């Protein structure tokens, strides 16, 4: 299977980001109802909100990669799949999420590397010994 290119992977990421934003908004709304309003700084609900925001993405990706045969919702739409040379584990998925986050924060350098790499691999692919392939 051929590795997926830059644009297919970015568009998949956009789809998944919309789903994750929906999850964050839904959980935040539930938290506001349970708390009786928005949390004040330093309250436990404030820390729960931080956890919701920080952990929604990694939990989403890890769940779908492990349970849905290496495909998130966006990856299904763009017909790509995460493949690993070894069995995918929670550790590999979370490490991949961490590398992807840092790659994005540093001007997207990890994703732009796909354009330079002859195998269309990102820095998170190289770090976790995985690849994102096109499927039929």
C-alpha atoms as a PDB file:
ATOM      1  CA  UNK A   1       0.000   0.000   0.000  1.00  0.00           C
ATOM      2  CA  UNK A   2       1.216   3.476  -0.875  1.00  0.00           C
ATOM      3  CA  UNK A   3       1.720   6.014   1.877  1.00  0.00           C
ATOM      4  CA  UNK A   4      -0.863   8.791   2.018  1.00  0.00           C
ATOM      5  CA  UNK A   5       0.197  12.216   0.839  1.00  0.00           C
ATOM      6  CA  UNK A   6       0.250  15.542   2.642  1.00  0.00           C
ATOM      7  CA  UNK A   7      -3.164  16.904   1.639  1.00  0.00           C
ATOM      8  CA  UNK A   8      -5.108  13.715   2.289  1.00  0.00           C
ATOM      9  CA  UNK A   9      -3.610  13.548   5.784  1.00  0.00           C
ATOM     10  CA  UNK A  10      -4.247  17.240   6.519  1.00  0.00           C
ATOM     11  CA  UNK A  11      -7.869  17.057   5.355  1.00  0.00           C
ATOM     12  CA  UNK A  12      -8.372  13.985   7.530  1.00  0.00           C
ATOM     13  CA  UNK A  13      -6.906  15.920  10.447  1.00  0.00           C
ATOM     14  CA  UNK A  14      -9.389  18.762   9.814  1.00  0.00           C
ATOM     15  CA  UNK A  15     -12.338  16.329   9.880  1.00  0.00           C
ATOM     16  CA  UNK A  16     -11.102  14.760  13.118  1.00  0.00           C
ATOM     17  CA  UNK A  17     -10.493  18.182  14.666  1.00  0.00           C
ATOM     18  CA  UNK A  18     -14.126  19.119  14.071  1.00  0.00           C
ATOM     19  CA  UNK A  19     -15.267  15.944  15.844  1.00  0.00           C
ATOM     20  CA  UNK A  20     -12.887  16.586  18.757  1.00  0.00           C
ATOM     21  CA  UNK A  21     -14.121  20.179  19.087  1.00  0.00           C
ATOM     22  CA  UNK A  22     -17.679  18.806  19.246  1.00  0.00           C
ATOM     23  CA  UNK A  23     -16.646  16.380  21.985  1.00  0.00           C
ATOM     24  CA  UNK A  24     -14.963  19.164  23.966  1.00  0.00           C
ATOM     25  CA  UNK A  25     -18.019  21.435  23.626  1.00  0.00           C
ATOM     26  CA  UNK A  26     -20.395  18.632  24.676  1.00  0.00           C
ATOM     27  CA  UNK A  27     -18.351  17.681  27.732  1.00  0.00           C
ATOM     28  CA  UNK A  28     -17.923  21.348  28.652  1.00  0.00           C
ATOM     29  CA  UNK A  29     -21.676  21.919  28.435  1.00  0.00           C
ATOM     30  CA  UNK A  30     -22.249  18.900  30.687  1.00  0.00           C
ATOM     31  CA  UNK A  31     -19.679  20.267  33.144  1.00  0.00           C
ATOM     32  CA  UNK A  32     -21.383  23.692  33.170  1.00  0.00           C
ATOM     33  CA  UNK A  33     -24.750  22.067  33.930  1.00  0.00           C
ATOM     34  CA  UNK A  34     -23.272  19.901  36.699  1.00  0.00           C
ATOM     35  CA  UNK A  35     -21.374  22.843  38.173  1.00  0.00           C
ATOM     36  CA  UNK A  36     -24.305  25.256  37.984  1.00  0.00           C
ATOM     37  CA  UNK A  37     -22.380  27.695  35.804  1.00  0.00           C
ATOM     38  CA  UNK A  38     -18.891  28.253  34.506  1.00  0.00           C
ATOM     39  CA  UNK A  39     -16.146  27.310  36.972  1.00  0.00           C
ATOM     40  CA  UNK A  40     -14.179  29.929  38.841  1.00  0.00           C
ATOM     41  CA  UNK A  41     -10.402  29.851  38.728  1.00  0.00           C
ATOM     42  CA  UNK A  42      -8.969  27.280  41.114  1.00  0.00           C
ATOM     43  CA  UNK A  43     -12.146  25.223  41.553  1.00  0.00           C
ATOM     44  CA  UNK A  44     -12.124  21.499  40.822  1.00  0.00           C
ATOM     45  CA  UNK A  45     -14.390  22.078  37.810  1.00  0.00           C
ATOM     46  CA  UNK A  46     -11.720  24.385  36.387  1.00  0.00           C
ATOM     47  CA  UNK A  47      -9.186  21.537  36.492  1.00  0.00           C
ATOM     48  CA  UNK A  48     -11.718  19.101  35.042  1.00  0.00           C
ATOM     49  CA  UNK A  49     -12.212  21.521  32.140  1.00  0.00           C
ATOM     50  CA  UNK A  50      -8.454  21.590  31.571  1.00  0.00           C
ATOM     51  CA  UNK A  51      -8.359  17.783  31.509  1.00  0.00           C
ATOM     52  CA  UNK A  52     -11.272  17.671  29.057  1.00  0.00           C
ATOM     53  CA  UNK A  53      -9.477  20.066  26.731  1.00  0.00           C
ATOM     54  CA  UNK A  54      -6.063  18.409  26.928  1.00  0.00           C
ATOM     55  CA  UNK A  55      -7.100  14.750  26.884  1.00  0.00           C
ATOM     56  CA  UNK A  56      -9.971  14.706  24.374  1.00  0.00           C
ATOM     57  CA  UNK A  57      -7.678  14.523  21.335  1.00  0.00           C
ATOM     58  CA  UNK A  58      -5.309  11.800  22.522  1.00  0.00           C
ATOM     59  CA  UNK A  59      -8.185   9.681  23.861  1.00  0.00           C
ATOM     60  CA  UNK A  60     -10.119  10.102  20.586  1.00  0.00           C
ATOM     61  CA  UNK A  61      -7.174   9.101  18.395  1.00  0.00           C
ATOM     62  CA  UNK A  62      -6.019   6.255  20.630  1.00  0.00           C
ATOM     63  CA  UNK A  63      -9.526   4.808  20.837  1.00  0.00           C
ATOM     64  CA  UNK A  64     -10.129   4.869  17.091  1.00  0.00           C
ATOM     65  CA  UNK A  65      -6.668   3.640  16.137  1.00  0.00           C
ATOM     66  CA  UNK A  66      -6.911   0.665  18.507  1.00  0.00           C
ATOM     67  CA  UNK A  67     -10.601  -0.235  18.166  1.00  0.00           C
ATOM     68  CA  UNK A  68     -11.319   0.771  14.565  1.00  0.00           C
ATOM     69  CA  UNK A  69      -8.431  -0.919  12.776  1.00  0.00           C
ATOM     70  CA  UNK A  70      -6.195   2.162  12.594  1.00  0.00           C
ATOM     71  CA  UNK A  71      -8.819   4.565  11.267  1.00  0.00           C
ATOM     72  CA  UNK A  72     -10.441   7.636  12.775  1.00  0.00           C
ATOM     73  CA  UNK A  73     -13.604   9.183  11.346  1.00  0.00           C
ATOM     74  CA  UNK A  74     -11.578  11.561   9.174  1.00  0.00           C
ATOM     75  CA  UNK A  75      -9.290   8.760   8.044  1.00  0.00           C
ATOM     76  CA  UNK A  76     -12.316   6.717   6.971  1.00  0.00           C
ATOM     77  CA  UNK A  77     -13.633   9.643   4.929  1.00  0.00           C
ATOM     78  CA  UNK A  78     -10.279  10.155   3.184  1.00  0.00           C
ATOM     79  CA  UNK A  79      -9.596   6.411   2.856  1.00  0.00           C
ATOM     80  CA  UNK A  80      -6.368   6.239   4.826  1.00  0.00           C
ATOM     81  CA  UNK A  81      -5.247   3.976   7.675  1.00  0.00           C
ATOM     82  CA  UNK A  82      -2.550   3.973  10.347  1.00  0.00           C
ATOM     83  CA  UNK A  83      -0.326   0.923  10.032  1.00  0.00           C
ATOM     84  CA  UNK A  84       2.429  -0.132  12.385  1.00  0.00           C
ATOM     85  CA  UNK A  85       5.293  -2.552  11.903  1.00  0.00           C
ATOM     86  CA  UNK A  86       4.447  -3.872  15.352  1.00  0.00           C
ATOM     87  CA  UNK A  87       1.115  -4.276  17.119  1.00  0.00           C
ATOM     88  CA  UNK A  88      -0.450  -0.900  17.851  1.00  0.00           C
ATOM     89  CA  UNK A  89      -0.519  -0.211  21.577  1.00  0.00           C
ATOM     90  CA  UNK A  90      -1.728   2.601  23.804  1.00  0.00           C
ATOM     91  CA  UNK A  91       1.912   3.634  24.255  1.00  0.00           C
ATOM     92  CA  UNK A  92       2.562   3.929  20.510  1.00  0.00           C
ATOM     93  CA  UNK A  93      -0.707   5.834  19.955  1.00  0.00           C
ATOM     94  CA  UNK A  94      -0.029   8.317  22.770  1.00  0.00           C
ATOM     95  CA  UNK A  95       3.568   8.786  21.637  1.00  0.00           C
ATOM     96  CA  UNK A  96       2.310   9.462  18.128  1.00  0.00           C
ATOM     97  CA  UNK A  97      -0.181  12.033  19.507  1.00  0.00           C
ATOM     98  CA  UNK A  98       2.597  13.751  21.467  1.00  0.00           C
ATOM     99  CA  UNK A  99       4.899  13.953  18.437  1.00  0.00           C
ATOM    100  CA  UNK A 100       2.038  15.198  16.257  1.00  0.00           C
ATOM    101  CA  UNK A 101       1.166  17.903  18.786  1.00  0.00           C
ATOM    102  CA  UNK A 102       4.746  19.148  19.034  1.00  0.00           C
ATOM    103  CA  UNK A 103       5.101  18.950  15.249  1.00  0.00           C
ATOM    104  CA  UNK A 104       2.029  21.142  14.866  1.00  0.00           C
ATOM    105  CA  UNK A 105       3.137  23.621  17.533  1.00  0.00           C
ATOM    106  CA  UNK A 106       6.518  24.131  15.868  1.00  0.00           C
ATOM    107  CA  UNK A 107       5.041  25.700  12.726  1.00  0.00           C
ATOM    108  CA  UNK A 108       3.797  22.349  11.440  1.00  0.00           C
ATOM    109  CA  UNK A 109       7.339  21.216  10.689  1.00  0.00           C
ATOM    110  CA  UNK A 110       6.503  17.558  11.370  1.00  0.00           C
ATOM    111  CA  UNK A 111       3.701  17.645   8.823  1.00  0.00           C
ATOM    112  CA  UNK A 112       5.597  19.720   6.274  1.00  0.00           C
ATOM    113  CA  UNK A 113       8.298  17.052   6.437  1.00  0.00           C
ATOM    114  CA  UNK A 114       5.862  14.829   4.496  1.00  0.00           C
ATOM    115  CA  UNK A 115       6.449  17.055   1.463  1.00  0.00           C
ATOM    116  CA  UNK A 116      10.215  16.558   1.725  1.00  0.00           C
ATOM    117  CA  UNK A 117      10.272  12.868   2.545  1.00  0.00           C
ATOM    118  CA  UNK A 118      10.316  10.535  -0.465  1.00  0.00           C
ATOM    119  CA  UNK A 119       8.161   8.003   1.433  1.00  0.00           C
ATOM    120  CA  UNK A 120       5.556  10.620   2.505  1.00  0.00           C
ATOM    121  CA  UNK A 121       6.306  10.017   6.184  1.00  0.00           C
ATOM    122  CA  UNK A 122       5.837  12.626   8.901  1.00  0.00           C
ATOM    123  CA  UNK A 123       8.130  13.023  11.888  1.00  0.00           C
ATOM    124  CA  UNK A 124       5.561  11.228  14.063  1.00  0.00           C
ATOM    125  CA  UNK A 125       5.635   8.315  11.598  1.00  0.00           C
ATOM    126  CA  UNK A 126       9.404   8.097  11.902  1.00  0.00           C
ATOM    127  CA  UNK A 127       9.384   8.431  15.695  1.00  0.00           C
ATOM    128  CA  UNK A 128       6.804   5.681  16.236  1.00  0.00           C
ATOM    129  CA  UNK A 129       7.708   3.371  13.343  1.00  0.00           C
ATOM    130  CA  UNK A 130       4.233   3.735  11.842  1.00  0.00           C
ATOM    131  CA  UNK A 131       2.859   4.976   8.530  1.00  0.00           C
ATOM    132  CA  UNK A 132      -0.391   6.268   7.127  1.00  0.00           C
ATOM    133  CA  UNK A 133      -1.415   4.432   3.945  1.00  0.00           C
ATOM    134  CA  UNK A 134      -4.063   4.924   1.279  1.00  0.00           C
ATOM    135  CA  UNK A 135      -6.671   2.170   1.153  1.00  0.00           C
ATOM    136  CA  UNK A 136      -9.144   1.265  -1.577  1.00  0.00           C
END
